[in-house]
N, C-alpha and C. Protein backbone atom coordinates (compact mmCIF):
# COMPACT_ATOMS: atom_id res chain seq x y z
N MET A 1 7.08 6.05 -17.45
CA MET A 1 5.92 6.93 -17.54
C MET A 1 5.94 7.88 -16.35
N PRO A 2 5.66 9.16 -16.58
CA PRO A 2 5.66 10.12 -15.48
C PRO A 2 4.57 9.79 -14.45
N ASP A 3 4.83 10.20 -13.25
CA ASP A 3 3.88 10.00 -12.17
C ASP A 3 2.57 10.71 -12.48
N GLN A 4 1.46 10.14 -12.05
CA GLN A 4 0.14 10.73 -12.29
C GLN A 4 0.04 12.13 -11.70
N ASP A 5 0.73 12.39 -10.59
CA ASP A 5 0.72 13.72 -10.00
C ASP A 5 1.29 14.77 -10.96
N ARG A 6 2.28 14.38 -11.73
CA ARG A 6 2.87 15.34 -12.68
C ARG A 6 1.88 15.69 -13.77
N ILE A 7 1.16 14.69 -14.25
CA ILE A 7 0.18 14.93 -15.30
C ILE A 7 -0.96 15.80 -14.78
N GLU A 8 -1.50 15.44 -13.63
CA GLU A 8 -2.60 16.21 -13.04
C GLU A 8 -2.15 17.62 -12.67
N GLY A 9 -0.93 17.74 -12.16
CA GLY A 9 -0.40 19.05 -11.79
C GLY A 9 -0.26 19.96 -12.99
N ALA A 10 0.23 19.41 -14.09
CA ALA A 10 0.38 20.21 -15.31
C ALA A 10 -0.99 20.66 -15.82
N ALA A 11 -1.96 19.75 -15.76
CA ALA A 11 -3.32 20.11 -16.22
C ALA A 11 -3.94 21.17 -15.32
N LYS A 12 -3.73 21.05 -14.01
CA LYS A 12 -4.29 22.03 -13.08
C LYS A 12 -3.63 23.40 -13.29
N ASN A 13 -2.34 23.39 -13.54
CA ASN A 13 -1.61 24.63 -13.80
C ASN A 13 -2.15 25.31 -15.06
N MET A 14 -2.35 24.54 -16.11
CA MET A 14 -2.87 25.10 -17.36
C MET A 14 -4.29 25.62 -17.17
N GLY A 15 -5.11 24.86 -16.47
CA GLY A 15 -6.47 25.31 -16.19
C GLY A 15 -6.48 26.60 -15.38
N GLY A 16 -5.54 26.71 -14.46
CA GLY A 16 -5.42 27.93 -13.66
C GLY A 16 -5.05 29.13 -14.50
N LYS A 17 -4.18 28.92 -15.48
CA LYS A 17 -3.80 30.02 -16.37
C LYS A 17 -5.00 30.49 -17.18
N ILE A 18 -5.80 29.54 -17.64
CA ILE A 18 -6.99 29.89 -18.42
C ILE A 18 -7.98 30.63 -17.53
N LYS A 19 -8.17 30.14 -16.32
CA LYS A 19 -9.10 30.78 -15.39
C LYS A 19 -8.64 32.19 -15.04
N GLU A 20 -7.34 32.35 -14.81
CA GLU A 20 -6.81 33.68 -14.50
C GLU A 20 -7.03 34.64 -15.67
N ALA A 21 -6.77 34.16 -16.89
CA ALA A 21 -6.96 35.00 -18.07
C ALA A 21 -8.43 35.39 -18.23
N ALA A 22 -9.32 34.44 -17.98
CA ALA A 22 -10.75 34.74 -18.08
C ALA A 22 -11.14 35.80 -17.03
N GLY A 23 -10.56 35.70 -15.85
CA GLY A 23 -10.82 36.68 -14.81
C GLY A 23 -10.33 38.06 -15.19
N LYS A 24 -9.18 38.12 -15.85
CA LYS A 24 -8.65 39.41 -16.30
C LYS A 24 -9.55 40.02 -17.36
N VAL A 25 -10.00 39.20 -18.31
CA VAL A 25 -10.83 39.69 -19.41
C VAL A 25 -12.17 40.21 -18.89
N THR A 26 -12.74 39.47 -17.96
CA THR A 26 -14.07 39.84 -17.47
C THR A 26 -14.03 40.81 -16.30
N GLY A 27 -12.84 41.05 -15.76
CA GLY A 27 -12.71 41.93 -14.60
C GLY A 27 -13.14 41.26 -13.30
N ASP A 28 -13.21 39.93 -13.31
CA ASP A 28 -13.63 39.16 -12.14
C ASP A 28 -12.40 38.83 -11.29
N GLU A 29 -12.20 39.60 -10.23
CA GLU A 29 -11.02 39.42 -9.38
C GLU A 29 -11.02 38.07 -8.66
N LYS A 30 -12.21 37.58 -8.30
CA LYS A 30 -12.29 36.27 -7.62
C LYS A 30 -11.83 35.16 -8.56
N LEU A 31 -12.29 35.19 -9.80
CA LEU A 31 -11.89 34.18 -10.78
C LEU A 31 -10.40 34.26 -11.05
N LYS A 32 -9.89 35.47 -11.14
CA LYS A 32 -8.45 35.66 -11.37
C LYS A 32 -7.64 35.07 -10.20
N ALA A 33 -8.08 35.32 -8.98
CA ALA A 33 -7.39 34.79 -7.80
C ALA A 33 -7.48 33.26 -7.75
N GLU A 34 -8.63 32.72 -8.11
CA GLU A 34 -8.78 31.26 -8.15
C GLU A 34 -7.82 30.65 -9.17
N GLY A 35 -7.67 31.32 -10.30
CA GLY A 35 -6.74 30.84 -11.33
C GLY A 35 -5.31 30.82 -10.83
N LYS A 36 -4.92 31.88 -10.14
CA LYS A 36 -3.56 31.92 -9.58
C LYS A 36 -3.36 30.82 -8.54
N ALA A 37 -4.37 30.59 -7.71
CA ALA A 37 -4.29 29.54 -6.69
C ALA A 37 -4.19 28.16 -7.35
N ASP A 38 -4.96 27.94 -8.40
CA ASP A 38 -4.89 26.67 -9.12
C ASP A 38 -3.50 26.45 -9.72
N GLN A 39 -2.90 27.52 -10.21
CA GLN A 39 -1.56 27.40 -10.79
C GLN A 39 -0.55 26.98 -9.73
N VAL A 40 -0.63 27.59 -8.56
CA VAL A 40 0.29 27.23 -7.47
C VAL A 40 0.08 25.78 -7.07
N GLU A 41 -1.18 25.40 -6.92
CA GLU A 41 -1.50 24.02 -6.55
C GLU A 41 -0.98 23.04 -7.60
N GLY A 42 -1.13 23.38 -8.87
CA GLY A 42 -0.64 22.53 -9.94
C GLY A 42 0.87 22.40 -9.93
N LYS A 43 1.56 23.50 -9.67
CA LYS A 43 3.02 23.46 -9.62
C LYS A 43 3.51 22.60 -8.47
N VAL A 44 2.84 22.70 -7.33
CA VAL A 44 3.22 21.88 -6.17
C VAL A 44 2.98 20.41 -6.48
N GLN A 45 1.82 20.09 -7.06
CA GLN A 45 1.50 18.70 -7.39
C GLN A 45 2.50 18.16 -8.42
N ASN A 46 2.88 18.98 -9.38
CA ASN A 46 3.86 18.57 -10.37
C ASN A 46 5.21 18.30 -9.71
N ALA A 47 5.59 19.13 -8.77
CA ALA A 47 6.86 18.94 -8.05
C ALA A 47 6.84 17.65 -7.24
N VAL A 48 5.72 17.35 -6.61
CA VAL A 48 5.58 16.11 -5.84
C VAL A 48 5.74 14.91 -6.79
N GLY A 49 5.11 14.99 -7.95
CA GLY A 49 5.24 13.92 -8.93
C GLY A 49 6.67 13.76 -9.40
N GLY A 50 7.37 14.87 -9.60
CA GLY A 50 8.77 14.82 -10.00
C GLY A 50 9.63 14.16 -8.93
N LEU A 51 9.33 14.46 -7.68
CA LEU A 51 10.07 13.84 -6.57
C LEU A 51 9.81 12.34 -6.55
N LYS A 52 8.55 11.94 -6.76
CA LYS A 52 8.22 10.51 -6.80
C LYS A 52 8.98 9.82 -7.94
N ASP A 53 9.03 10.48 -9.11
CA ASP A 53 9.77 9.92 -10.23
C ASP A 53 11.25 9.74 -9.87
N THR A 54 11.81 10.75 -9.23
CA THR A 54 13.21 10.69 -8.83
C THR A 54 13.45 9.56 -7.85
N LEU A 55 12.59 9.43 -6.88
CA LEU A 55 12.74 8.37 -5.88
C LEU A 55 12.60 6.98 -6.49
N ARG A 56 11.79 6.87 -7.54
CA ARG A 56 11.63 5.59 -8.23
C ARG A 56 12.79 5.35 -9.20
N GLY A 57 13.56 6.37 -9.48
CA GLY A 57 14.68 6.23 -10.41
C GLY A 57 14.26 6.38 -11.86
N ASP A 58 13.11 6.99 -12.11
CA ASP A 58 12.62 7.22 -13.47
C ASP A 58 13.40 8.39 -14.05
N LYS A 59 14.22 8.14 -15.05
CA LYS A 59 15.08 9.17 -15.65
C LYS A 59 14.42 9.89 -16.80
N ARG A 60 13.17 9.57 -17.15
CA ARG A 60 12.50 10.18 -18.29
C ARG A 60 11.69 11.38 -17.89
N ASN A 61 12.20 12.26 -17.05
CA ASN A 61 11.46 13.45 -16.62
C ASN A 61 11.25 14.29 -17.80
């Protein structure tokens, strides 16, 4: 089973994409920036989870 960080990171990344899109549609630059930040945070968290999987020897990435 993938590390919890990978699952949460993927969800945060997807939420960030939705938030960024909503910011673009509404013209809300703050919301758009928050969405981009959430995406970066999600990608980092996903990478940490992938590293944990690798260190545990989980080959089902």
